[in-house]
Amino acid sequence: MEFASIRIITDDLDRLTSFYELVTGATASRPAPVFAEIRTAGAALAIGSTATVAMLGDGAPRAASNSSVIIEFLVDDVDAEFARLRPELRDVVLEPTTMPWGNRSALFRDPDGNLVNLFSRPAEHPSNA
């Protein structure tokens, strides 16, 4: 089994897609008017309009209602990425901070209120060697 993606459901596909294109520096593919996908080396971030889940009825995810998932991006330099994005961020939750376990993180909310974490691992982390 391979982890492939996480999908965010939104009422404003263009706005959210533009936001994540800014965050990642990548251009989303748009195979359909109701769906966008940004691929990274590790996985993909899919963004779908509410139309993509309408067939699920009452069990469908609700846009802009996430309160338990953090969308995380591993970056080389949290401070530089945060400085690049800061002018566009409306809701900063945590300025760049070194966490007790050594990661450097900056957290903010996307336009739908989803929590986003830019983080880097400590230099001595095995995957950084």
C-alpha atoms as a PDB file:
ATOM      1  CA  MET A   1       0.000   0.000   0.000  1.00  0.00           C
ATOM      2  CA  GLU A   2       1.217   3.494  -0.825  1.00  0.00           C
ATOM      3  CA  PHE A   3      -0.079   6.725   0.653  1.00  0.00           C
ATOM      4  CA  ALA A   4      -1.171   8.729  -2.390  1.00  0.00           C
ATOM      5  CA  SER A   5      -2.881  11.946  -1.354  1.00  0.00           C
ATOM      6  CA  ILE A   6      -5.033  13.936   0.952  1.00  0.00           C
ATOM      7  CA  ARG A   7      -8.051  15.745  -0.502  1.00  0.00           C
ATOM      8  CA  ILE A   8      -9.514  18.978   0.770  1.00  0.00           C
ATOM      9  CA  ILE A   9     -13.154  19.673  -0.067  1.00  0.00           C
ATOM     10  CA  THR A  10     -13.947  23.327  -0.656  1.00  0.00           C
ATOM     11  CA  ASP A  11     -16.697  25.663  -1.772  1.00  0.00           C
ATOM     12  CA  ASP A  12     -14.132  27.790  -3.642  1.00  0.00           C
ATOM     13  CA  LEU A  13     -11.854  25.572  -5.698  1.00  0.00           C
ATOM     14  CA  ASP A  14     -10.063  28.386  -7.525  1.00  0.00           C
ATOM     15  CA  ARG A  15      -9.238  30.326  -4.344  1.00  0.00           C
ATOM     16  CA  LEU A  16      -7.922  27.286  -2.466  1.00  0.00           C
ATOM     17  CA  THR A  17      -5.986  25.981  -5.466  1.00  0.00           C
ATOM     18  CA  SER A  18      -4.312  29.380  -5.915  1.00  0.00           C
ATOM     19  CA  PHE A  19      -3.395  29.432  -2.211  1.00  0.00           C
ATOM     20  CA  TYR A  20      -1.710  26.006  -2.334  1.00  0.00           C
ATOM     21  CA  GLU A  21       0.046  26.871  -5.605  1.00  0.00           C
ATOM     22  CA  LEU A  22       1.526  29.841  -3.735  1.00  0.00           C
ATOM     23  CA  VAL A  23       2.502  27.699  -0.732  1.00  0.00           C
ATOM     24  CA  THR A  24       4.107  24.906  -2.770  1.00  0.00           C
ATOM     25  CA  GLY A  25       5.418  26.911  -5.699  1.00  0.00           C
ATOM     26  CA  ALA A  26       3.891  24.260  -7.979  1.00  0.00           C
ATOM     27  CA  THR A  27       1.160  24.565 -10.576  1.00  0.00           C
ATOM     28  CA  ALA A  28      -1.881  22.399  -9.982  1.00  0.00           C
ATOM     29  CA  SER A  29      -3.149  20.090 -12.679  1.00  0.00           C
ATOM     30  CA  ARG A  30      -6.859  20.601 -13.377  1.00  0.00           C
ATOM     31  CA  PRO A  31      -8.204  17.420 -15.022  1.00  0.00           C
ATOM     32  CA  ALA A  32     -11.787  18.597 -14.423  1.00  0.00           C
ATOM     33  CA  PRO A  33     -13.408  21.930 -13.522  1.00  0.00           C
ATOM     34  CA  VAL A  34     -14.277  20.564 -10.044  1.00  0.00           C
ATOM     35  CA  PHE A  35     -10.863  19.088  -9.171  1.00  0.00           C
ATOM     36  CA  ALA A  36      -7.219  20.161  -8.840  1.00  0.00           C
ATOM     37  CA  GLU A  37      -4.106  18.286  -7.775  1.00  0.00           C
ATOM     38  CA  ILE A  38      -0.659  19.406  -6.696  1.00  0.00           C
ATOM     39  CA  ARG A  39       1.941  16.646  -6.820  1.00  0.00           C
ATOM     40  CA  THR A  40       5.064  16.692  -4.686  1.00  0.00           C
ATOM     41  CA  ALA A  41       7.835  14.143  -4.354  1.00  0.00           C
ATOM     42  CA  GLY A  42       6.091  12.497  -1.382  1.00  0.00           C
ATOM     43  CA  ALA A  43       2.374  12.627  -2.146  1.00  0.00           C
ATOM     44  CA  ALA A  44      -0.305  14.769  -3.723  1.00  0.00           C
ATOM     45  CA  LEU A  45      -2.607  17.410  -2.369  1.00  0.00           C
ATOM     46  CA  ALA A  46      -5.964  17.071  -4.074  1.00  0.00           C
ATOM     47  CA  ILE A  47      -8.540  19.833  -3.904  1.00  0.00           C
ATOM     48  CA  GLY A  48     -12.107  19.071  -4.846  1.00  0.00           C
ATOM     49  CA  SER A  49     -15.247  21.126  -4.959  1.00  0.00           C
ATOM     50  CA  THR A  50     -18.241  19.976  -2.963  1.00  0.00           C
ATOM     51  CA  ALA A  51     -19.608  18.611  -6.257  1.00  0.00           C
ATOM     52  CA  THR A  52     -16.992  15.826  -6.119  1.00  0.00           C
ATOM     53  CA  VAL A  53     -18.550  14.359  -2.973  1.00  0.00           C
ATOM     54  CA  ALA A  54     -22.229  15.167  -3.519  1.00  0.00           C
ATOM     55  CA  MET A  55     -23.084  11.510  -4.193  1.00  0.00           C
ATOM     56  CA  LEU A  56     -22.163  10.708  -0.571  1.00  0.00           C
ATOM     57  CA  GLY A  57     -25.241  12.573   0.644  1.00  0.00           C
ATOM     58  CA  ASP A  58     -25.319  13.249   4.378  1.00  0.00           C
ATOM     59  CA  GLY A  59     -22.005  11.397   4.763  1.00  0.00           C
ATOM     60  CA  ALA A  60     -20.135  13.842   2.521  1.00  0.00           C
ATOM     61  CA  PRO A  61     -17.296  15.948   3.932  1.00  0.00           C
ATOM     62  CA  ARG A  62     -18.293  19.552   4.623  1.00  0.00           C
ATOM     63  CA  ALA A  63     -16.138  22.325   3.241  1.00  0.00           C
ATOM     64  CA  ALA A  64     -14.313  24.602   5.674  1.00  0.00           C
ATOM     65  CA  SER A  65     -15.105  22.447   8.711  1.00  0.00           C
ATOM     66  CA  ASN A  66     -11.811  20.647   9.464  1.00  0.00           C
ATOM     67  CA  SER A  67     -10.730  20.717  13.084  1.00  0.00           C
ATOM     68  CA  SER A  68      -8.586  17.601  13.377  1.00  0.00           C
ATOM     69  CA  VAL A  69      -6.146  17.400  10.441  1.00  0.00           C
ATOM     70  CA  ILE A  70      -2.964  19.403   9.863  1.00  0.00           C
ATOM     71  CA  ILE A  71      -1.634  19.638   6.298  1.00  0.00           C
ATOM     72  CA  GLU A  72       2.144  19.457   6.576  1.00  0.00           C
ATOM     73  CA  PHE A  73       4.891  20.406   4.154  1.00  0.00           C
ATOM     74  CA  LEU A  74       8.528  19.491   4.787  1.00  0.00           C
ATOM     75  CA  VAL A  75      10.729  22.411   3.712  1.00  0.00           C
ATOM     76  CA  ASP A  76      14.448  23.144   3.849  1.00  0.00           C
ATOM     77  CA  ASP A  77      14.111  26.552   5.523  1.00  0.00           C
ATOM     78  CA  VAL A  78      10.958  27.289   7.523  1.00  0.00           C
ATOM     79  CA  ASP A  79      11.954  30.897   8.197  1.00  0.00           C
ATOM     80  CA  ALA A  80      12.571  31.698   4.528  1.00  0.00           C
ATOM     81  CA  GLU A  81       9.353  30.018   3.361  1.00  0.00           C
ATOM     82  CA  PHE A  82       7.336  31.727   6.075  1.00  0.00           C
ATOM     83  CA  ALA A  83       8.827  35.116   5.153  1.00  0.00           C
ATOM     84  CA  ARG A  84       7.931  34.500   1.496  1.00  0.00           C
ATOM     85  CA  LEU A  85       4.323  33.600   2.366  1.00  0.00           C
ATOM     86  CA  ARG A  86       3.731  36.010   5.264  1.00  0.00           C
ATOM     87  CA  PRO A  87       2.272  38.875   3.182  1.00  0.00           C
ATOM     88  CA  GLU A  88      -0.457  36.531   1.890  1.00  0.00           C
ATOM     89  CA  LEU A  89      -1.325  34.839   5.199  1.00  0.00           C
ATOM     90  CA  ARG A  90      -4.444  36.058   6.986  1.00  0.00           C
ATOM     91  CA  ASP A  91      -4.353  33.718   9.996  1.00  0.00           C
ATOM     92  CA  VAL A  92      -0.933  32.912  11.435  1.00  0.00           C
ATOM     93  CA  VAL A  93      -1.224  30.437  14.304  1.00  0.00           C
ATOM     94  CA  LEU A  94       2.479  30.044  15.158  1.00  0.00           C
ATOM     95  CA  GLU A  95       5.409  32.112  13.913  1.00  0.00           C
ATOM     96  CA  PRO A  96       8.532  30.029  13.107  1.00  0.00           C
ATOM     97  CA  THR A  97       9.391  28.170  16.309  1.00  0.00           C
ATOM     98  CA  THR A  98      11.681  25.307  17.280  1.00  0.00           C
ATOM     99  CA  MET A  99       9.500  22.601  18.780  1.00  0.00           C
ATOM    100  CA  PRO A 100      10.538  20.586  21.882  1.00  0.00           C
ATOM    101  CA  TRP A 101      11.268  17.543  19.646  1.00  0.00           C
ATOM    102  CA  GLY A 102      13.607  19.622  17.438  1.00  0.00           C
ATOM    103  CA  ASN A 103      11.497  20.358  14.357  1.00  0.00           C
ATOM    104  CA  ARG A 104      11.234  23.971  13.265  1.00  0.00           C
ATOM    105  CA  SER A 105       7.612  24.817  12.445  1.00  0.00           C
ATOM    106  CA  ALA A 106       5.374  27.655  11.323  1.00  0.00           C
ATOM    107  CA  LEU A 107       1.605  27.141  11.354  1.00  0.00           C
ATOM    108  CA  PHE A 108      -1.131  29.094   9.620  1.00  0.00           C
ATOM    109  CA  ARG A 109      -4.624  28.553   8.251  1.00  0.00           C
ATOM    110  CA  ASP A 110      -5.566  28.320   4.598  1.00  0.00           C
ATOM    111  CA  PRO A 111      -8.527  30.355   3.273  1.00  0.00           C
ATOM    112  CA  ASP A 112     -10.952  27.584   4.360  1.00  0.00           C
ATOM    113  CA  GLY A 113      -9.517  27.480   7.897  1.00  0.00           C
ATOM    114  CA  ASN A 114      -7.494  24.268   7.503  1.00  0.00           C
ATOM    115  CA  LEU A 115      -4.315  24.244   9.579  1.00  0.00           C
ATOM    116  CA  VAL A 116      -1.065  24.156   7.575  1.00  0.00           C
ATOM    117  CA  ASN A 117       2.372  23.383   9.038  1.00  0.00           C
ATOM    118  CA  LEU A 118       5.623  24.194   7.295  1.00  0.00           C
ATOM    119  CA  PHE A 119       8.338  22.263   9.092  1.00  0.00           C
ATOM    120  CA  SER A 120      11.950  21.185   8.878  1.00  0.00           C
ATOM    121  CA  ARG A 121      13.622  18.414  10.800  1.00  0.00           C
ATOM    122  CA  PRO A 122      16.720  18.906  12.940  1.00  0.00           C
ATOM    123  CA  ALA A 123      19.985  18.562  11.002  1.00  0.00           C
ATOM    124  CA  GLU A 124      20.878  15.354  12.874  1.00  0.00           C
ATOM    125  CA  HIS A 125      17.598  13.635  11.867  1.00  0.00           C
ATOM    126  CA  PRO A 126      18.446  10.288  10.110  1.00  0.00           C
ATOM    127  CA  SER A 127      16.462  11.198   6.956  1.00  0.00           C
ATOM    128  CA  ASN A 128      18.544  14.366   6.547  1.00  0.00           C
ATOM    129  CA  ALA A 129      21.877  12.531   6.445  1.00  0.00           C
END
